Amino acid sequence: FRILQYPFGRWLATQITPRSLVEE
């Protein structure tokens, strides 16, 4: 949710979704 607070983070979240990030 912290990543989604930023425009670049929102774009990046549509492209790169590591399983480790989901687990964390």
PDB file of all heavy atoms in Angstrom:
ATOM      1  N   PHE A   1       0.823  -1.205   0.000  1.00  0.00           N
ATOM      2  CA  PHE A   1       0.000   0.000   0.000  1.00  0.00           C
ATOM      3  C   PHE A   1       0.859   1.258   0.000  1.00  0.00           C
ATOM      4  O   PHE A   1       0.468   2.289  -0.558  1.00  0.00           O
ATOM      5  CB  PHE A   1      -0.950  -0.007   1.193  1.00  0.00           C
ATOM      6  CG  PHE A   1      -2.064  -1.015   1.070  1.00  0.00           C
ATOM      7  CD1 PHE A   1      -2.278  -1.963   2.064  1.00  0.00           C
ATOM      8  CD2 PHE A   1      -2.882  -1.034  -0.042  1.00  0.00           C
ATOM      9  CE1 PHE A   1      -3.298  -2.892   1.952  1.00  0.00           C
ATOM     10  CE2 PHE A   1      -3.911  -1.964  -0.162  1.00  0.00           C
ATOM     11  CZ  PHE A   1      -4.114  -2.894   0.829  1.00  0.00           C
ATOM     12  N   ARG A   2       2.049   1.193   0.615  1.00  0.00           N
ATOM     13  CA  ARG A   2       2.930   2.367   0.613  1.00  0.00           C
ATOM     14  C   ARG A   2       3.424   2.669  -0.796  1.00  0.00           C
ATOM     15  O   ARG A   2       3.513   3.830  -1.194  1.00  0.00           O
ATOM     16  CB  ARG A   2       4.113   2.150   1.560  1.00  0.00           C
ATOM     17  CG  ARG A   2       3.717   2.094   3.036  1.00  0.00           C
ATOM     18  CD  ARG A   2       4.899   2.382   3.945  1.00  0.00           C
ATOM     19  NE  ARG A   2       5.979   1.428   3.791  1.00  0.00           N
ATOM     20  CZ  ARG A   2       6.074   0.283   4.464  1.00  0.00           C
ATOM     21  NH1 ARG A   2       5.119  -0.055   5.325  1.00  0.00           N
ATOM     22  NH2 ARG A   2       7.092  -0.526   4.304  1.00  0.00           N
ATOM     23  N   ILE A   3       3.731   1.639  -1.565  1.00  0.00           N
ATOM     24  CA  ILE A   3       4.196   1.840  -2.944  1.00  0.00           C
ATOM     25  C   ILE A   3       3.132   2.544  -3.771  1.00  0.00           C
ATOM     26  O   ILE A   3       3.429   3.402  -4.618  1.00  0.00           O
ATOM     27  CB  ILE A   3       4.574   0.479  -3.571  1.00  0.00           C
ATOM     28  CG1 ILE A   3       5.880  -0.038  -2.955  1.00  0.00           C
ATOM     29  CG2 ILE A   3       4.699   0.575  -5.086  1.00  0.00           C
ATOM     30  CD1 ILE A   3       6.235  -1.453  -3.373  1.00  0.00           C
ATOM     31  N   LEU A   4       1.870   2.227  -3.524  1.00  0.00           N
ATOM     32  CA  LEU A   4       0.772   2.777  -4.317  1.00  0.00           C
ATOM     33  C   LEU A   4       0.505   4.248  -4.023  1.00  0.00           C
ATOM     34  O   LEU A   4      -0.300   4.879  -4.713  1.00  0.00           O
ATOM     35  CB  LEU A   4      -0.504   1.966  -4.065  1.00  0.00           C
ATOM     36  CG  LEU A   4      -0.477   0.525  -4.570  1.00  0.00           C
ATOM     37  CD1 LEU A   4      -1.701  -0.230  -4.087  1.00  0.00           C
ATOM     38  CD2 LEU A   4      -0.391   0.477  -6.089  1.00  0.00           C
ATOM     39  N   GLN A   5       1.188   4.818  -3.045  1.00  0.00           N
ATOM     40  CA  GLN A   5       0.991   6.231  -2.727  1.00  0.00           C
ATOM     41  C   GLN A   5       1.660   7.145  -3.741  1.00  0.00           C
ATOM     42  O   GLN A   5       1.367   8.341  -3.792  1.00  0.00           O
ATOM     43  CB  GLN A   5       1.539   6.523  -1.330  1.00  0.00           C
ATOM     44  CG  GLN A   5       0.782   5.833  -0.208  1.00  0.00           C
ATOM     45  CD  GLN A   5       1.437   6.054   1.147  1.00  0.00           C
ATOM     46  OE1 GLN A   5       2.415   6.795   1.269  1.00  0.00           O
ATOM     47  NE2 GLN A   5       0.908   5.406   2.176  1.00  0.00           N
ATOM     48  N   TYR A   6       2.555   6.601  -4.574  1.00  0.00           N
ATOM     49  CA  TYR A   6       3.343   7.418  -5.493  1.00  0.00           C
ATOM     50  C   TYR A   6       3.032   7.064  -6.945  1.00  0.00           C
ATOM     51  O   TYR A   6       2.840   5.892  -7.280  1.00  0.00           O
ATOM     52  CB  TYR A   6       4.835   7.217  -5.222  1.00  0.00           C
ATOM     53  CG  TYR A   6       5.197   7.466  -3.778  1.00  0.00           C
ATOM     54  CD1 TYR A   6       5.347   6.402  -2.883  1.00  0.00           C
ATOM     55  CD2 TYR A   6       5.366   8.767  -3.306  1.00  0.00           C
ATOM     56  CE1 TYR A   6       5.660   6.635  -1.550  1.00  0.00           C
ATOM     57  CE2 TYR A   6       5.690   9.001  -1.967  1.00  0.00           C
ATOM     58  CZ  TYR A   6       5.835   7.932  -1.102  1.00  0.00           C
ATOM     59  OH  TYR A   6       6.135   8.165   0.215  1.00  0.00           O
ATOM     60  N   PRO A   7       2.986   8.074  -7.843  1.00  0.00           N
ATOM     61  CA  PRO A   7       2.649   7.800  -9.254  1.00  0.00           C
ATOM     62  C   PRO A   7       3.541   6.747  -9.896  1.00  0.00           C
ATOM     63  O   PRO A   7       3.047   5.837 -10.571  1.00  0.00           O
ATOM     64  CB  PRO A   7       2.809   9.166  -9.924  1.00  0.00           C
ATOM     65  CG  PRO A   7       2.564  10.151  -8.819  1.00  0.00           C
ATOM     66  CD  PRO A   7       3.122   9.517  -7.572  1.00  0.00           C
ATOM     67  N   PHE A   8       4.872   6.864  -9.699  1.00  0.00           N
ATOM     68  CA  PHE A   8       5.757   5.875 -10.302  1.00  0.00           C
ATOM     69  C   PHE A   8       5.528   4.497  -9.687  1.00  0.00           C
ATOM     70  O   PHE A   8       5.564   3.471 -10.377  1.00  0.00           O
ATOM     71  CB  PHE A   8       7.222   6.281 -10.120  1.00  0.00           C
ATOM     72  CG  PHE A   8       8.197   5.284 -10.708  1.00  0.00           C
ATOM     73  CD1 PHE A   8       8.324   5.145 -12.079  1.00  0.00           C
ATOM     74  CD2 PHE A   8       8.967   4.468  -9.876  1.00  0.00           C
ATOM     75  CE1 PHE A   8       9.206   4.218 -12.626  1.00  0.00           C
ATOM     76  CE2 PHE A   8       9.847   3.546 -10.412  1.00  0.00           C
ATOM     77  CZ  PHE A   8       9.968   3.421 -11.796  1.00  0.00           C
ATOM     78  N   GLY A   9       5.261   4.463  -8.378  1.00  0.00           N
ATOM     79  CA  GLY A   9       4.983   3.197  -7.711  1.00  0.00           C
ATOM     80  C   GLY A   9       3.727   2.543  -8.265  1.00  0.00           C
ATOM     81  O   GLY A   9       3.676   1.317  -8.425  1.00  0.00           O
ATOM     82  N   ARG A  10       2.692   3.354  -8.566  1.00  0.00           N
ATOM     83  CA  ARG A  10       1.457   2.795  -9.129  1.00  0.00           C
ATOM     84  C   ARG A  10       1.711   2.199 -10.504  1.00  0.00           C
ATOM     85  O   ARG A  10       1.192   1.132 -10.841  1.00  0.00           O
ATOM     86  CB  ARG A  10       0.379   3.879  -9.186  1.00  0.00           C
ATOM     87  CG  ARG A  10      -0.137   4.277  -7.804  1.00  0.00           C
ATOM     88  CD  ARG A  10      -1.393   5.102  -7.904  1.00  0.00           C
ATOM     89  NE  ARG A  10      -1.166   6.440  -8.435  1.00  0.00           N
ATOM     90  CZ  ARG A  10      -0.872   7.494  -7.695  1.00  0.00           C
ATOM     91  NH1 ARG A  10      -0.769   7.373  -6.374  1.00  0.00           N
ATOM     92  NH2 ARG A  10      -0.709   8.684  -8.242  1.00  0.00           N
ATOM     93  N   TRP A  11       2.515   2.919 -11.318  1.00  0.00           N
ATOM     94  CA  TRP A  11       2.829   2.358 -12.646  1.00  0.00           C
ATOM     95  C   TRP A  11       3.659   1.092 -12.503  1.00  0.00           C
ATOM     96  O   TRP A  11       3.373   0.082 -13.155  1.00  0.00           O
ATOM     97  CB  TRP A  11       3.594   3.382 -13.482  1.00  0.00           C
ATOM     98  CG  TRP A  11       4.033   2.805 -14.797  1.00  0.00           C
ATOM     99  CD1 TRP A  11       3.294   2.683 -15.939  1.00  0.00           C
ATOM    100  CD2 TRP A  11       5.313   2.218 -15.082  1.00  0.00           C
ATOM    101  NE1 TRP A  11       4.018   2.065 -16.918  1.00  0.00           N
ATOM    102  CE2 TRP A  11       5.268   1.759 -16.429  1.00  0.00           C
ATOM    103  CE3 TRP A  11       6.481   2.028 -14.348  1.00  0.00           C
ATOM    104  CZ2 TRP A  11       6.360   1.138 -17.040  1.00  0.00           C
ATOM    105  CZ3 TRP A  11       7.560   1.405 -14.952  1.00  0.00           C
ATOM    106  CH2 TRP A  11       7.496   0.975 -16.284  1.00  0.00           C
ATOM    107  N   LEU A  12       4.656   1.134 -11.633  1.00  0.00           N
ATOM    108  CA  LEU A  12       5.525  -0.025 -11.455  1.00  0.00           C
ATOM    109  C   LEU A  12       4.729  -1.232 -10.972  1.00  0.00           C
ATOM    110  O   LEU A  12       4.991  -2.369 -11.377  1.00  0.00           O
ATOM    111  CB  LEU A  12       6.628   0.321 -10.452  1.00  0.00           C
ATOM    112  CG  LEU A  12       7.883  -0.569 -10.464  1.00  0.00           C
ATOM    113  CD1 LEU A  12       8.596  -0.444 -11.792  1.00  0.00           C
ATOM    114  CD2 LEU A  12       8.808  -0.179  -9.318  1.00  0.00           C
ATOM    115  N   ALA A  13       3.713  -0.991 -10.140  1.00  0.00           N
ATOM    116  CA  ALA A  13       2.914  -2.087  -9.595  1.00  0.00           C
ATOM    117  C   ALA A  13       2.103  -2.797 -10.673  1.00  0.00           C
ATOM    118  O   ALA A  13       1.701  -3.948 -10.484  1.00  0.00           O
ATOM    119  CB  ALA A  13       1.979  -1.563  -8.509  1.00  0.00           C
ATOM    120  N   THR A  14       1.884  -2.131 -11.803  1.00  0.00           N
ATOM    121  CA  THR A  14       1.164  -2.789 -12.907  1.00  0.00           C
ATOM    122  C   THR A  14       2.095  -3.644 -13.758  1.00  0.00           C
ATOM    123  O   THR A  14       1.619  -4.398 -14.615  1.00  0.00           O
ATOM    124  CB  THR A  14       0.471  -1.758 -13.819  1.00  0.00           C
ATOM    125  OG1 THR A  14       1.474  -0.974 -14.504  1.00  0.00           O
ATOM    126  CG2 THR A  14      -0.433  -0.835 -13.023  1.00  0.00           C
ATOM    127  N   GLN A  15       3.402  -3.531 -13.536  1.00  0.00           N
ATOM    128  CA  GLN A  15       4.373  -4.222 -14.374  1.00  0.00           C
ATOM    129  C   GLN A  15       5.189  -5.267 -13.623  1.00  0.00           C
ATOM    130  O   GLN A  15       5.476  -6.337 -14.156  1.00  0.00           O
ATOM    131  CB  GLN A  15       5.343  -3.194 -15.002  1.00  0.00           C
ATOM    132  CG  GLN A  15       4.669  -2.097 -15.794  1.00  0.00           C
ATOM    133  CD  GLN A  15       3.965  -2.612 -17.016  1.00  0.00           C
ATOM    134  OE1 GLN A  15       4.465  -3.524 -17.707  1.00  0.00           O
ATOM    135  NE2 GLN A  15       2.797  -2.058 -17.329  1.00  0.00           N
ATOM    136  N   ILE A  16       5.569  -4.934 -12.405  1.00  0.00           N
ATOM    137  CA  ILE A  16       6.467  -5.799 -11.641  1.00  0.00           C
ATOM    138  C   ILE A  16       5.801  -6.132 -10.307  1.00  0.00           C
ATOM    139  O   ILE A  16       5.537  -5.240  -9.500  1.00  0.00           O
ATOM    140  CB  ILE A  16       7.833  -5.123 -11.405  1.00  0.00           C
ATOM    141  CG1 ILE A  16       8.519  -4.836 -12.744  1.00  0.00           C
ATOM    142  CG2 ILE A  16       8.720  -5.994 -10.530  1.00  0.00           C
ATOM    143  CD1 ILE A  16       9.821  -4.063 -12.620  1.00  0.00           C
ATOM    144  N   THR A  17       5.520  -7.398 -10.101  1.00  0.00           N
ATOM    145  CA  THR A  17       4.847  -7.837  -8.872  1.00  0.00           C
ATOM    146  C   THR A  17       5.568  -9.066  -8.325  1.00  0.00           C
ATOM    147  O   THR A  17       5.143 -10.201  -8.535  1.00  0.00           O
ATOM    148  CB  THR A  17       3.363  -8.166  -9.149  1.00  0.00           C
ATOM    149  OG1 THR A  17       2.773  -7.101  -9.890  1.00  0.00           O
ATOM    150  CG2 THR A  17       2.594  -8.366  -7.842  1.00  0.00           C
ATOM    151  N   PRO A  18       6.667  -8.877  -7.624  1.00  0.00           N
ATOM    152  CA  PRO A  18       7.406 -10.029  -7.099  1.00  0.00           C
ATOM    153  C   PRO A  18       6.576 -10.784  -6.053  1.00  0.00           C
ATOM    154  O   PRO A  18       5.877 -10.175  -5.251  1.00  0.00           O
ATOM    155  CB  PRO A  18       8.646  -9.399  -6.455  1.00  0.00           C
ATOM    156  CG  PRO A  18       8.710  -8.005  -6.964  1.00  0.00           C
ATOM    157  CD  PRO A  18       7.311  -7.603  -7.267  1.00  0.00           C
ATOM    158  N   ARG A  19       6.685 -12.069  -6.073  1.00  0.00           N
ATOM    159  CA  ARG A  19       5.992 -12.876  -5.061  1.00  0.00           C
ATOM    160  C   ARG A  19       6.459 -12.498  -3.660  1.00  0.00           C
ATOM    161  O   ARG A  19       5.660 -12.480  -2.715  1.00  0.00           O
ATOM    162  CB  ARG A  19       6.262 -14.363  -5.323  1.00  0.00           C
ATOM    163  CG  ARG A  19       5.494 -15.324  -4.399  1.00  0.00           C
ATOM    164  CD  ARG A  19       5.824 -16.764  -4.768  1.00  0.00           C
ATOM    165  NE  ARG A  19       5.057 -17.723  -3.970  1.00  0.00           N
ATOM    166  CZ  ARG A  19       5.403 -18.154  -2.757  1.00  0.00           C
ATOM    167  NH1 ARG A  19       6.514 -17.686  -2.173  1.00  0.00           N
ATOM    168  NH2 ARG A  19       4.651 -19.042  -2.109  1.00  0.00           N
ATOM    169  N   SER A  20       7.746 -12.166  -3.533  1.00  0.00           N
ATOM    170  CA  SER A  20       8.282 -11.801  -2.222  1.00  0.00           C
ATOM    171  C   SER A  20       7.629 -10.534  -1.682  1.00  0.00           C
ATOM    172  O   SER A  20       7.431 -10.395  -0.468  1.00  0.00           O
ATOM    173  CB  SER A  20       9.799 -11.603  -2.310  1.00  0.00           C
ATOM    174  OG  SER A  20      10.120 -10.597  -3.264  1.00  0.00           O
ATOM    175  N   LEU A  21       7.284  -9.598  -2.568  1.00  0.00           N
ATOM    176  CA  LEU A  21       6.615  -8.373  -2.137  1.00  0.00           C
ATOM    177  C   LEU A  21       5.205  -8.675  -1.642  1.00  0.00           C
ATOM    178  O   LEU A  21       4.752  -8.115  -0.635  1.00  0.00           O
ATOM    179  CB  LEU A  21       6.560  -7.374  -3.293  1.00  0.00           C
ATOM    180  CG  LEU A  21       5.852  -6.052  -3.003  1.00  0.00           C
ATOM    181  CD1 LEU A  21       6.595  -5.266  -1.929  1.00  0.00           C
ATOM    182  CD2 LEU A  21       5.725  -5.225  -4.284  1.00  0.00           C
ATOM    183  N   VAL A  22       4.511  -9.574  -2.337  1.00  0.00           N
ATOM    184  CA  VAL A  22       3.166  -9.972  -1.915  1.00  0.00           C
ATOM    185  C   VAL A  22       3.241 -10.656  -0.551  1.00  0.00           C
ATOM    186  O   VAL A  22       2.419 -10.389   0.335  1.00  0.00           O
ATOM    187  CB  VAL A  22       2.517 -10.892  -2.964  1.00  0.00           C
ATOM    188  CG1 VAL A  22       1.193 -11.457  -2.456  1.00  0.00           C
ATOM    189  CG2 VAL A  22       2.295 -10.136  -4.274  1.00  0.00           C
ATOM    190  N   GLU A  23       4.227 -11.514  -0.375  1.00  0.00           N
ATOM    191  CA  GLU A  23       4.379 -12.193   0.922  1.00  0.00           C
ATOM    192  C   GLU A  23       4.642 -11.187   2.041  1.00  0.00           C
ATOM    193  O   GLU A  23       4.030 -11.274   3.120  1.00  0.00           O
ATOM    194  CB  GLU A  23       5.514 -13.218   0.876  1.00  0.00           C
ATOM    195  CG  GLU A  23       5.724 -13.908   2.217  1.00  0.00           C
ATOM    196  CD  GLU A  23       6.822 -14.967   2.196  1.00  0.00           C
ATOM    197  OE1 GLU A  23       7.461 -15.142   1.136  1.00  0.00           O
ATOM    198  OE2 GLU A  23       7.031 -15.618   3.242  1.00  0.00           O
ATOM    199  N   GLU A  24       5.529 -10.233   1.778  1.00  0.00           N
ATOM    200  CA  GLU A  24       5.857  -9.243   2.804  1.00  0.00           C
ATOM    201  C   GLU A  24       4.621  -8.414   3.162  1.00  0.00           C
ATOM    202  O   GLU A  24       4.371  -8.130   4.344  1.00  0.00           O
ATOM    203  CB  GLU A  24       6.985  -8.332   2.317  1.00  0.00           C
ATOM    204  CG  GLU A  24       7.472  -7.349   3.368  1.00  0.00           C
ATOM    205  CD  GLU A  24       8.674  -6.531   2.912  1.00  0.00           C
ATOM    206  OE1 GLU A  24       9.256  -6.863   1.859  1.00  0.00           O
ATOM    207  OE2 GLU A  24       9.008  -5.556   3.604  1.00  0.00           O
TER     208      GLU A  24
END
